[in-house]
């Protein structure tokens, strides 16, 4: 019985450690609203990347991609504007760090587009 309890305790600690390593927070802590906003912008960037890749594949097949690429470009401009408006409002250090990383990812993606 004691061994089973010890094994369960160790498995719980390992799962908590793995969650903390992947997310940077403990499972029982709530996400700050600021961090949720930055996370939503990150997801939007991922969608833009996917749309851009799809447009690239269509272009490789010889399809006219001018209408396909307009959507991601407009969304990218909107994302940049939203991030610029959000940055001065951020108060938590974690949200600021995530926003800074998002800005780097955005710049990296824009350089890949060229």
C-alpha atoms as a PDB file:
ATOM      1  CA  UNK A   1       0.000   0.000   0.000  1.00  0.00           C
ATOM      2  CA  UNK A   2       2.816   2.377   0.856  1.00  0.00           C
ATOM      3  CA  UNK A   3       4.591   1.598  -2.410  1.00  0.00           C
ATOM      4  CA  UNK A   4       1.444   2.289  -4.404  1.00  0.00           C
ATOM      5  CA  UNK A   5       0.980   5.601  -2.632  1.00  0.00           C
ATOM      6  CA  UNK A   6       4.616   6.512  -3.259  1.00  0.00           C
ATOM      7  CA  UNK A   7       4.333   5.582  -6.965  1.00  0.00           C
ATOM      8  CA  UNK A   8       1.173   7.666  -7.356  1.00  0.00           C
ATOM      9  CA  UNK A   9       2.841  10.589  -5.624  1.00  0.00           C
ATOM     10  CA  UNK A  10       5.887  10.360  -7.878  1.00  0.00           C
ATOM     11  CA  UNK A  11       3.717  10.098 -11.011  1.00  0.00           C
ATOM     12  CA  UNK A  12       1.775  13.176  -9.935  1.00  0.00           C
ATOM     13  CA  UNK A  13       4.986  15.091  -9.311  1.00  0.00           C
ATOM     14  CA  UNK A  14       6.363  14.039 -12.703  1.00  0.00           C
ATOM     15  CA  UNK A  15       3.159  15.087 -14.468  1.00  0.00           C
ATOM     16  CA  UNK A  16       3.188  18.442 -12.682  1.00  0.00           C
ATOM     17  CA  UNK A  17       6.847  18.927 -13.600  1.00  0.00           C
ATOM     18  CA  UNK A  18       6.186  18.102 -17.232  1.00  0.00           C
ATOM     19  CA  UNK A  19       3.254  20.530 -17.346  1.00  0.00           C
ATOM     20  CA  UNK A  20       5.365  23.252 -15.753  1.00  0.00           C
ATOM     21  CA  UNK A  21       8.204  22.615 -18.209  1.00  0.00           C
ATOM     22  CA  UNK A  22       5.892  22.881 -21.210  1.00  0.00           C
ATOM     23  CA  UNK A  23       3.753  25.849 -20.121  1.00  0.00           C
ATOM     24  CA  UNK A  24       5.854  27.707 -17.580  1.00  0.00           C
ATOM     25  CA  UNK A  25       3.146  27.622 -14.931  1.00  0.00           C
ATOM     26  CA  UNK A  26       1.673  25.230 -12.435  1.00  0.00           C
ATOM     27  CA  UNK A  27      -1.553  23.476 -13.438  1.00  0.00           C
ATOM     28  CA  UNK A  28      -3.623  24.975 -10.627  1.00  0.00           C
ATOM     29  CA  UNK A  29      -2.721  28.594 -11.372  1.00  0.00           C
ATOM     30  CA  UNK A  30      -5.022  30.642 -13.552  1.00  0.00           C
ATOM     31  CA  UNK A  31      -3.848  32.358 -16.722  1.00  0.00           C
ATOM     32  CA  UNK A  32      -3.799  36.143 -16.446  1.00  0.00           C
ATOM     33  CA  UNK A  33      -6.147  37.905 -18.892  1.00  0.00           C
ATOM     34  CA  UNK A  34      -3.141  39.689 -20.415  1.00  0.00           C
ATOM     35  CA  UNK A  35      -1.421  36.394 -21.088  1.00  0.00           C
ATOM     36  CA  UNK A  36      -4.616  35.027 -22.636  1.00  0.00           C
ATOM     37  CA  UNK A  37      -4.689  38.004 -25.040  1.00  0.00           C
ATOM     38  CA  UNK A  38      -1.071  37.401 -26.054  1.00  0.00           C
ATOM     39  CA  UNK A  39      -1.806  33.683 -26.477  1.00  0.00           C
ATOM     40  CA  UNK A  40      -4.721  34.537 -28.774  1.00  0.00           C
ATOM     41  CA  UNK A  41      -2.394  36.684 -30.887  1.00  0.00           C
ATOM     42  CA  UNK A  42       0.089  33.793 -31.047  1.00  0.00           C
ATOM     43  CA  UNK A  43      -2.653  31.498 -32.315  1.00  0.00           C
ATOM     44  CA  UNK A  44      -3.600  34.098 -34.907  1.00  0.00           C
ATOM     45  CA  UNK A  45       0.013  34.170 -36.114  1.00  0.00           C
ATOM     46  CA  UNK A  46      -0.022  30.384 -36.452  1.00  0.00           C
ATOM     47  CA  UNK A  47      -3.171  30.594 -38.584  1.00  0.00           C
ATOM     48  CA  UNK A  48      -1.565  33.244 -40.764  1.00  0.00           C
ATOM     49  CA  UNK A  49       1.498  31.033 -41.215  1.00  0.00           C
ATOM     50  CA  UNK A  50      -0.693  28.115 -42.271  1.00  0.00           C
ATOM     51  CA  UNK A  51      -2.585  30.259 -44.775  1.00  0.00           C
ATOM     52  CA  UNK A  52       0.674  31.596 -46.181  1.00  0.00           C
ATOM     53  CA  UNK A  53       2.019  28.067 -46.636  1.00  0.00           C
ATOM     54  CA  UNK A  54      -1.176  27.037 -48.385  1.00  0.00           C
ATOM     55  CA  UNK A  55      -0.827  30.006 -50.733  1.00  0.00           C
ATOM     56  CA  UNK A  56       2.765  28.978 -51.412  1.00  0.00           C
ATOM     57  CA  UNK A  57       1.701  25.455 -52.292  1.00  0.00           C
ATOM     58  CA  UNK A  58      -0.985  26.803 -54.602  1.00  0.00           C
ATOM     59  CA  UNK A  59       1.589  29.056 -56.267  1.00  0.00           C
ATOM     60  CA  UNK A  60       3.868  26.087 -56.793  1.00  0.00           C
ATOM     61  CA  UNK A  61       1.059  24.417 -58.700  1.00  0.00           C
ATOM     62  CA  UNK A  62       0.740  27.408 -61.003  1.00  0.00           C
ATOM     63  CA  UNK A  63      -2.428  28.859 -59.476  1.00  0.00           C
ATOM     64  CA  UNK A  64      -2.816  32.650 -59.326  1.00  0.00           C
ATOM     65  CA  UNK A  65      -2.235  33.399 -55.638  1.00  0.00           C
ATOM     66  CA  UNK A  66      -2.883  37.138 -55.591  1.00  0.00           C
ATOM     67  CA  UNK A  67      -6.325  36.687 -54.032  1.00  0.00           C
ATOM     68  CA  UNK A  68      -5.088  33.935 -51.705  1.00  0.00           C
ATOM     69  CA  UNK A  69      -2.232  35.996 -50.266  1.00  0.00           C
ATOM     70  CA  UNK A  70      -4.298  39.130 -49.654  1.00  0.00           C
ATOM     71  CA  UNK A  71      -6.052  37.543 -46.671  1.00  0.00           C
ATOM     72  CA  UNK A  72      -2.939  36.575 -44.712  1.00  0.00           C
ATOM     73  CA  UNK A  73      -1.276  39.905 -45.468  1.00  0.00           C
ATOM     74  CA  UNK A  74      -4.278  41.859 -44.167  1.00  0.00           C
ATOM     75  CA  UNK A  75      -4.443  39.647 -41.085  1.00  0.00           C
ATOM     76  CA  UNK A  76      -0.726  40.136 -40.526  1.00  0.00           C
ATOM     77  CA  UNK A  77      -1.122  43.910 -40.572  1.00  0.00           C
ATOM     78  CA  UNK A  78      -4.029  43.633 -38.137  1.00  0.00           C
ATOM     79  CA  UNK A  79      -1.946  41.386 -35.875  1.00  0.00           C
ATOM     80  CA  UNK A  80       0.923  43.878 -35.847  1.00  0.00           C
ATOM     81  CA  UNK A  81      -1.466  46.698 -34.984  1.00  0.00           C
ATOM     82  CA  UNK A  82      -3.118  44.681 -32.197  1.00  0.00           C
ATOM     83  CA  UNK A  83       0.250  43.754 -30.718  1.00  0.00           C
ATOM     84  CA  UNK A  84       1.452  47.361 -30.826  1.00  0.00           C
ATOM     85  CA  UNK A  85      -1.699  48.477 -29.016  1.00  0.00           C
ATOM     86  CA  UNK A  86      -1.434  45.699 -26.437  1.00  0.00           C
ATOM     87  CA  UNK A  87       2.236  46.101 -25.514  1.00  0.00           C
ATOM     88  CA  UNK A  88       1.918  49.337 -23.471  1.00  0.00           C
ATOM     89  CA  UNK A  89      -1.042  47.888 -21.543  1.00  0.00           C
ATOM     90  CA  UNK A  90       0.770  44.773 -20.330  1.00  0.00           C
ATOM     91  CA  UNK A  91       1.650  44.737 -16.639  1.00  0.00           C
ATOM     92  CA  UNK A  92       2.865  41.249 -15.800  1.00  0.00           C
ATOM     93  CA  UNK A  93       6.413  40.250 -16.598  1.00  0.00           C
ATOM     94  CA  UNK A  94       5.321  36.949 -18.139  1.00  0.00           C
ATOM     95  CA  UNK A  95       2.889  38.678 -20.498  1.00  0.00           C
ATOM     96  CA  UNK A  96       5.586  41.176 -21.514  1.00  0.00           C
ATOM     97  CA  UNK A  97       8.043  38.358 -22.192  1.00  0.00           C
ATOM     98  CA  UNK A  98       5.480  36.474 -24.271  1.00  0.00           C
ATOM     99  CA  UNK A  99       4.636  39.625 -26.230  1.00  0.00           C
ATOM    100  CA  UNK A 100       8.316  40.284 -26.883  1.00  0.00           C
ATOM    101  CA  UNK A 101       8.740  36.721 -28.141  1.00  0.00           C
ATOM    102  CA  UNK A 102       5.665  37.137 -30.320  1.00  0.00           C
ATOM    103  CA  UNK A 103       7.129  40.312 -31.782  1.00  0.00           C
ATOM    104  CA  UNK A 104      10.334  38.397 -32.617  1.00  0.00           C
ATOM    105  CA  UNK A 105       8.338  35.569 -34.194  1.00  0.00           C
ATOM    106  CA  UNK A 106       6.377  38.103 -36.210  1.00  0.00           C
ATOM    107  CA  UNK A 107       9.560  39.759 -37.471  1.00  0.00           C
ATOM    108  CA  UNK A 108      11.026  36.360 -38.312  1.00  0.00           C
ATOM    109  CA  UNK A 109       7.920  35.380 -40.254  1.00  0.00           C
ATOM    110  CA  UNK A 110       7.911  38.652 -42.166  1.00  0.00           C
ATOM    111  CA  UNK A 111      11.541  38.108 -43.163  1.00  0.00           C
ATOM    112  CA  UNK A 112      10.663  34.569 -44.349  1.00  0.00           C
ATOM    113  CA  UNK A 113       7.871  35.967 -46.494  1.00  0.00           C
ATOM    114  CA  UNK A 114      10.255  38.047 -48.580  1.00  0.00           C
END
